[in-house]
Amino acid sequence: QEAKAVYDKANGTFAFIRKAERLKTYILNVKESAMQRLKEYIIQETNHKVRTIIKNDTIKIKNITGHLIFEDREGLSEGQNLAVAYAYLGTLFEHSQNQFPFVVDSPAAALDLNMRREIAMVMPGLFEQMIIFVTSGEKQGFAETYYNRSDVKYYVIEGRRDKAAVLKEGLAEFKKSR
């Protein structure tokens, strides 16, 4: 290493190599700092959204390290998990360069009626555009929350294995479907 240092110095590259190493360290520090600040911002925004969704319990994200880590909690109920996941995704979507709809299949099947209504009321505020596939069991408490909105379109796809699927459009068709 001493001989290489003497050689590099003799070639006039020693100072350049040292500056390049310092610059590389600086850039890595900036990258780490930016990532940490971004995580803190995403956590803060997601926690704000979670407070608006879940009013009867205090759930707070503490850190993001490959997954969400909660403050003073080991786990959440299924409804709480879903609410936090939607809030987290909504925060990420808000700050994405790309604009695309949030697509979810059967968003409320495992939730009780009150949590369904809470999630249904908050989802439009979390995502610019959504495509939601619901089962007939999710109409009560979830889909019915959107009935009075003019910015929602309803489609019913009915079919059987032995018969081609039929597409029906409109709220009236949606309400009477099974």
C-alpha atoms as a PDB file:
ATOM      1  CA  GLN A   1       0.000   0.000   0.000  1.00  0.00           C
ATOM      2  CA  GLU A   2       2.888   2.369   0.769  1.00  0.00           C
ATOM      3  CA  ALA A   3       4.495   1.649  -2.595  1.00  0.00           C
ATOM      4  CA  LYS A   4       1.151   2.204  -4.368  1.00  0.00           C
ATOM      5  CA  ALA A   5       0.667   5.508  -2.508  1.00  0.00           C
ATOM      6  CA  VAL A   6       4.139   6.645  -3.579  1.00  0.00           C
ATOM      7  CA  TYR A   7       3.449   5.539  -7.137  1.00  0.00           C
ATOM      8  CA  ASP A   8       0.043   7.320  -7.260  1.00  0.00           C
ATOM      9  CA  LYS A   9       1.535  10.461  -5.768  1.00  0.00           C
ATOM     10  CA  ALA A  10       4.353  10.356  -8.275  1.00  0.00           C
ATOM     11  CA  ASN A  11       1.828  10.084 -11.091  1.00  0.00           C
ATOM     12  CA  GLY A  12      -0.124  13.055  -9.764  1.00  0.00           C
ATOM     13  CA  THR A  13      -3.212  10.947  -9.169  1.00  0.00           C
ATOM     14  CA  PHE A  14      -3.007  10.650  -5.396  1.00  0.00           C
ATOM     15  CA  ALA A  15      -4.843  13.924  -4.696  1.00  0.00           C
ATOM     16  CA  PHE A  16      -7.466  13.130  -7.346  1.00  0.00           C
ATOM     17  CA  ILE A  17      -8.093   9.664  -5.905  1.00  0.00           C
ATOM     18  CA  ARG A  18      -8.500  11.090  -2.363  1.00  0.00           C
ATOM     19  CA  LYS A  19     -10.984  13.730  -3.622  1.00  0.00           C
ATOM     20  CA  ALA A  20     -12.918  11.096  -5.548  1.00  0.00           C
ATOM     21  CA  GLU A  21     -13.138   8.900  -2.440  1.00  0.00           C
ATOM     22  CA  ARG A  22     -14.373  11.857  -0.338  1.00  0.00           C
ATOM     23  CA  LEU A  23     -16.954  12.721  -3.009  1.00  0.00           C
ATOM     24  CA  LYS A  24     -18.162   9.116  -3.121  1.00  0.00           C
ATOM     25  CA  THR A  25     -18.535   9.095   0.688  1.00  0.00           C
ATOM     26  CA  TYR A  26     -20.404  12.407   0.556  1.00  0.00           C
ATOM     27  CA  ILE A  27     -22.807  11.141  -2.122  1.00  0.00           C
ATOM     28  CA  LEU A  28     -23.507   7.956  -0.133  1.00  0.00           C
ATOM     29  CA  ASN A  29     -24.231  10.078   2.964  1.00  0.00           C
ATOM     30  CA  VAL A  30     -26.621  12.285   0.973  1.00  0.00           C
ATOM     31  CA  LYS A  31     -28.371   9.193  -0.369  1.00  0.00           C
ATOM     32  CA  GLU A  32     -28.777   7.689   3.114  1.00  0.00           C
ATOM     33  CA  SER A  33     -29.983  11.005   4.541  1.00  0.00           C
ATOM     34  CA  ALA A  34     -32.510  11.449   1.717  1.00  0.00           C
ATOM     35  CA  MET A  35     -33.812   7.903   2.195  1.00  0.00           C
ATOM     36  CA  GLN A  36     -34.178   8.455   5.948  1.00  0.00           C
ATOM     37  CA  ARG A  37     -36.012  11.757   5.429  1.00  0.00           C
ATOM     38  CA  LEU A  38     -38.288  10.145   2.848  1.00  0.00           C
ATOM     39  CA  LYS A  39     -39.125   7.309   5.252  1.00  0.00           C
ATOM     40  CA  GLU A  40     -39.863   9.820   8.025  1.00  0.00           C
ATOM     41  CA  TYR A  41     -42.138  11.803   5.700  1.00  0.00           C
ATOM     42  CA  ILE A  42     -43.993   8.680   4.490  1.00  0.00           C
ATOM     43  CA  ILE A  43     -44.428   7.533   8.105  1.00  0.00           C
ATOM     44  CA  GLN A  44     -45.737  10.962   9.166  1.00  0.00           C
ATOM     45  CA  GLU A  45     -48.205  11.192   6.257  1.00  0.00           C
ATOM     46  CA  THR A  46     -49.379   7.592   6.683  1.00  0.00           C
ATOM     47  CA  ASN A  47     -49.870   8.065  10.439  1.00  0.00           C
ATOM     48  CA  HIS A  48     -51.975  11.146   9.698  1.00  0.00           C
ATOM     49  CA  LYS A  49     -54.168   9.138   7.310  1.00  0.00           C
ATOM     50  CA  VAL A  50     -54.452   6.261   9.799  1.00  0.00           C
ATOM     51  CA  ARG A  51     -55.728   8.685  12.471  1.00  0.00           C
ATOM     52  CA  THR A  52     -58.505   9.773  10.107  1.00  0.00           C
ATOM     53  CA  ILE A  53     -59.500   6.179   9.349  1.00  0.00           C
ATOM     54  CA  ILE A  54     -59.190   4.501  12.754  1.00  0.00           C
ATOM     55  CA  LYS A  55     -60.655   6.822  15.336  1.00  0.00           C
ATOM     56  CA  ASN A  56     -61.309   4.332  18.132  1.00  0.00           C
ATOM     57  CA  ASP A  57     -57.688   3.179  18.577  1.00  0.00           C
ATOM     58  CA  THR A  58     -54.209   4.690  18.445  1.00  0.00           C
ATOM     59  CA  ILE A  59     -52.087   3.014  15.802  1.00  0.00           C
ATOM     60  CA  LYS A  60     -48.780   4.574  14.912  1.00  0.00           C
ATOM     61  CA  ILE A  61     -46.098   3.400  12.491  1.00  0.00           C
ATOM     62  CA  LYS A  62     -42.672   3.680  14.090  1.00  0.00           C
ATOM     63  CA  ASN A  63     -40.403   2.579  11.254  1.00  0.00           C
ATOM     64  CA  ILE A  64     -40.215   1.061   7.787  1.00  0.00           C
ATOM     65  CA  THR A  65     -37.571  -1.627   7.372  1.00  0.00           C
ATOM     66  CA  GLY A  66     -38.784  -3.957   4.665  1.00  0.00           C
ATOM     67  CA  HIS A  67     -42.154  -3.893   6.438  1.00  0.00           C
ATOM     68  CA  LEU A  68     -44.113  -1.559   8.712  1.00  0.00           C
ATOM     69  CA  ILE A  69     -43.134  -1.584  12.385  1.00  0.00           C
ATOM     70  CA  PHE A  70     -45.724  -0.275  14.826  1.00  0.00           C
ATOM     71  CA  GLU A  71     -45.149   1.689  18.001  1.00  0.00           C
ATOM     72  CA  ASP A  72     -46.149  -0.196  21.180  1.00  0.00           C
ATOM     73  CA  ARG A  73     -47.873  -3.008  19.250  1.00  0.00           C
ATOM     74  CA  GLU A  74     -47.126  -6.527  18.132  1.00  0.00           C
ATOM     75  CA  GLY A  75     -50.009  -6.916  15.723  1.00  0.00           C
ATOM     76  CA  LEU A  76     -53.247  -5.450  14.437  1.00  0.00           C
ATOM     77  CA  SER A  77     -56.715  -6.759  13.720  1.00  0.00           C
ATOM     78  CA  GLU A  78     -57.480  -7.631  10.113  1.00  0.00           C
ATOM     79  CA  GLY A  79     -59.499  -4.437   9.666  1.00  0.00           C
ATOM     80  CA  GLN A  80     -56.745  -2.324  11.176  1.00  0.00           C
ATOM     81  CA  ASN A  81     -54.137  -4.005   8.963  1.00  0.00           C
ATOM     82  CA  LEU A  82     -56.233  -3.234   5.915  1.00  0.00           C
ATOM     83  CA  ALA A  83     -56.791   0.381   6.946  1.00  0.00           C
ATOM     84  CA  VAL A  84     -53.072   0.932   7.562  1.00  0.00           C
ATOM     85  CA  ALA A  85     -52.171  -0.756   4.270  1.00  0.00           C
ATOM     86  CA  TYR A  86     -54.575   1.477   2.322  1.00  0.00           C
ATOM     87  CA  ALA A  87     -53.256   4.581   4.093  1.00  0.00           C
ATOM     88  CA  TYR A  88     -49.659   3.571   3.351  1.00  0.00           C
ATOM     89  CA  LEU A  89     -50.384   2.820  -0.302  1.00  0.00           C
ATOM     90  CA  GLY A  90     -52.366   6.043  -0.622  1.00  0.00           C
ATOM     91  CA  THR A  91     -49.387   8.022   0.660  1.00  0.00           C
ATOM     92  CA  LEU A  92     -47.062   6.307  -1.796  1.00  0.00           C
ATOM     93  CA  PHE A  93     -49.492   6.870  -4.694  1.00  0.00           C
ATOM     94  CA  GLU A  94     -49.757  10.582  -3.855  1.00  0.00           C
ATOM     95  CA  HIS A  95     -46.047  11.056  -4.390  1.00  0.00           C
ATOM     96  CA  SER A  96     -45.546   8.810  -7.386  1.00  0.00           C
ATOM     97  CA  GLN A  97     -44.466  10.173 -10.744  1.00  0.00           C
ATOM     98  CA  ASN A  98     -46.914   7.852 -12.464  1.00  0.00           C
ATOM     99  CA  GLN A  99     -50.673   8.200 -12.384  1.00  0.00           C
ATOM    100  CA  PHE A 100     -52.587   4.940 -12.407  1.00  0.00           C
ATOM    101  CA  PRO A 101     -55.698   3.655 -10.631  1.00  0.00           C
ATOM    102  CA  PHE A 102     -55.605   1.641  -7.436  1.00  0.00           C
ATOM    103  CA  VAL A 103     -57.104  -1.767  -8.184  1.00  0.00           C
ATOM    104  CA  VAL A 104     -58.359  -3.919  -5.325  1.00  0.00           C
ATOM    105  CA  ASP A 105     -60.264  -7.176  -5.287  1.00  0.00           C
ATOM    106  CA  SER A 106     -62.659  -7.884  -2.423  1.00  0.00           C
ATOM    107  CA  PRO A 107     -61.508  -5.063  -0.143  1.00  0.00           C
ATOM    108  CA  ALA A 108     -63.936  -5.567   2.715  1.00  0.00           C
ATOM    109  CA  ALA A 109     -64.876  -9.242   2.936  1.00  0.00           C
ATOM    110  CA  ALA A 110     -63.248  -9.897   6.318  1.00  0.00           C
ATOM    111  CA  LEU A 111     -64.351  -6.631   7.938  1.00  0.00           C
ATOM    112  CA  ASP A 112     -67.306  -5.957  10.202  1.00  0.00           C
ATOM    113  CA  LEU A 113     -69.952  -3.513   8.934  1.00  0.00           C
ATOM    114  CA  ASN A 114     -68.640  -0.484  10.850  1.00  0.00           C
ATOM    115  CA  MET A 115     -65.063  -0.960   9.632  1.00  0.00           C
ATOM    116  CA  ARG A 116     -66.381  -1.513   6.079  1.00  0.00           C
ATOM    117  CA  ARG A 117     -68.137   1.846   6.201  1.00  0.00           C
ATOM    118  CA  GLU A 118     -65.032   3.554   7.613  1.00  0.00           C
ATOM    119  CA  ILE A 119     -62.795   2.105   4.901  1.00  0.00           C
ATOM    120  CA  ALA A 120     -65.324   2.892   2.162  1.00  0.00           C
ATOM    121  CA  MET A 121     -65.603   6.511   3.291  1.00  0.00           C
ATOM    122  CA  VAL A 122     -61.851   7.055   3.428  1.00  0.00           C
ATOM    123  CA  MET A 123     -60.697   5.207   0.283  1.00  0.00           C
ATOM    124  CA  PRO A 124     -61.768   7.917  -2.206  1.00  0.00           C
ATOM    125  CA  GLY A 125     -59.593  10.404  -0.336  1.00  0.00           C
ATOM    126  CA  LEU A 126     -56.589   8.092  -0.458  1.00  0.00           C
ATOM    127  CA  PHE A 127     -56.600   7.378  -4.178  1.00  0.00           C
ATOM    128  CA  GLU A 128     -57.213   9.577  -7.209  1.00  0.00           C
ATOM    129  CA  GLN A 129     -58.908   6.743  -9.106  1.00  0.00           C
ATOM    130  CA  MET A 130     -59.942   3.260  -7.966  1.00  0.00           C
ATOM    131  CA  ILE A 131     -61.230   0.104  -9.539  1.00  0.00           C
ATOM    132  CA  ILE A 132     -62.866  -2.094  -6.920  1.00  0.00           C
ATOM    133  CA  PHE A 133     -64.126  -5.615  -7.463  1.00  0.00           C
ATOM    134  CA  VAL A 134     -66.680  -6.561  -4.808  1.00  0.00           C
ATOM    135  CA  THR A 135     -68.605  -9.701  -4.072  1.00  0.00           C
ATOM    136  CA  SER A 136     -72.290  -9.658  -3.283  1.00  0.00           C
ATOM    137  CA  GLY A 137     -71.399 -10.089   0.392  1.00  0.00           C
ATOM    138  CA  GLU A 138     -69.502  -6.794   0.358  1.00  0.00           C
ATOM    139  CA  LYS A 139     -72.421  -4.710  -0.864  1.00  0.00           C
ATOM    140  CA  GLN A 140     -73.716  -4.173   2.665  1.00  0.00           C
ATOM    141  CA  GLY A 141     -71.588  -1.701   4.580  1.00  0.00           C
ATOM    142  CA  PHE A 142     -69.054  -1.162   1.811  1.00  0.00           C
ATOM    143  CA  ALA A 143     -70.474  -0.781  -1.704  1.00  0.00           C
ATOM    144  CA  GLU A 144     -73.685   0.865  -0.451  1.00  0.00           C
ATOM    145  CA  THR A 145     -71.529   3.692   0.943  1.00  0.00           C
ATOM    146  CA  TYR A 146     -70.934   4.845  -2.643  1.00  0.00           C
ATOM    147  CA  TYR A 147     -74.573   4.796  -3.811  1.00  0.00           C
ATOM    148  CA  ASN A 148     -75.082   8.554  -3.418  1.00  0.00           C
ATOM    149  CA  ARG A 149     -71.865   9.518  -5.208  1.00  0.00           C
ATOM    150  CA  SER A 150     -72.088  10.805  -8.772  1.00  0.00           C
ATOM    151  CA  ASP A 151     -68.455   9.968  -9.570  1.00  0.00           C
ATOM    152  CA  VAL A 152     -68.889   6.178  -9.301  1.00  0.00           C
ATOM    153  CA  LYS A 153     -69.682   3.774 -12.121  1.00  0.00           C
ATOM    154  CA  TYR A 154     -71.197   0.366 -11.480  1.00  0.00           C
ATOM    155  CA  TYR A 155     -70.719  -2.752 -13.572  1.00  0.00           C
ATOM    156  CA  VAL A 156     -72.003  -6.240 -12.895  1.00  0.00           C
ATOM    157  CA  ILE A 157     -70.402  -9.241 -14.539  1.00  0.00           C
ATOM    158  CA  GLU A 158     -72.456 -12.395 -14.256  1.00  0.00           C
ATOM    159  CA  GLY A 159     -71.476 -15.720 -15.668  1.00  0.00           C
ATOM    160  CA  ARG A 160     -71.251 -19.425 -15.163  1.00  0.00           C
ATOM    161  CA  ARG A 161     -68.782 -22.006 -16.333  1.00  0.00           C
ATOM    162  CA  ASP A 162     -71.152 -23.291 -19.001  1.00  0.00           C
ATOM    163  CA  LYS A 163     -72.336 -19.870 -20.149  1.00  0.00           C
ATOM    164  CA  ALA A 164     -70.685 -16.697 -21.464  1.00  0.00           C
ATOM    165  CA  ALA A 165     -70.405 -13.819 -19.000  1.00  0.00           C
ATOM    166  CA  VAL A 166     -72.871 -10.951 -19.291  1.00  0.00           C
ATOM    167  CA  LEU A 167     -71.989  -7.336 -18.517  1.00  0.00           C
ATOM    168  CA  LYS A 168     -74.623  -5.049 -17.025  1.00  0.00           C
ATOM    169  CA  GLU A 169     -74.102  -1.377 -16.261  1.00  0.00           C
ATOM    170  CA  GLY A 170     -75.618   1.044 -13.759  1.00  0.00           C
ATOM    171  CA  LEU A 171     -76.498   1.382 -10.104  1.00  0.00           C
ATOM    172  CA  ALA A 172     -79.933  -0.214 -10.518  1.00  0.00           C
ATOM    173  CA  GLU A 173     -78.353  -3.341 -12.042  1.00  0.00           C
ATOM    174  CA  PHE A 174     -75.736  -3.376  -9.286  1.00  0.00           C
ATOM    175  CA  LYS A 175     -78.321  -3.108  -6.504  1.00  0.00           C
ATOM    176  CA  LYS A 176     -80.438  -5.966  -7.823  1.00  0.00           C
ATOM    177  CA  SER A 177     -77.505  -8.300  -8.559  1.00  0.00           C
ATOM    178  CA  ARG A 178     -76.828 -11.237  -6.285  1.00  0.00           C
END
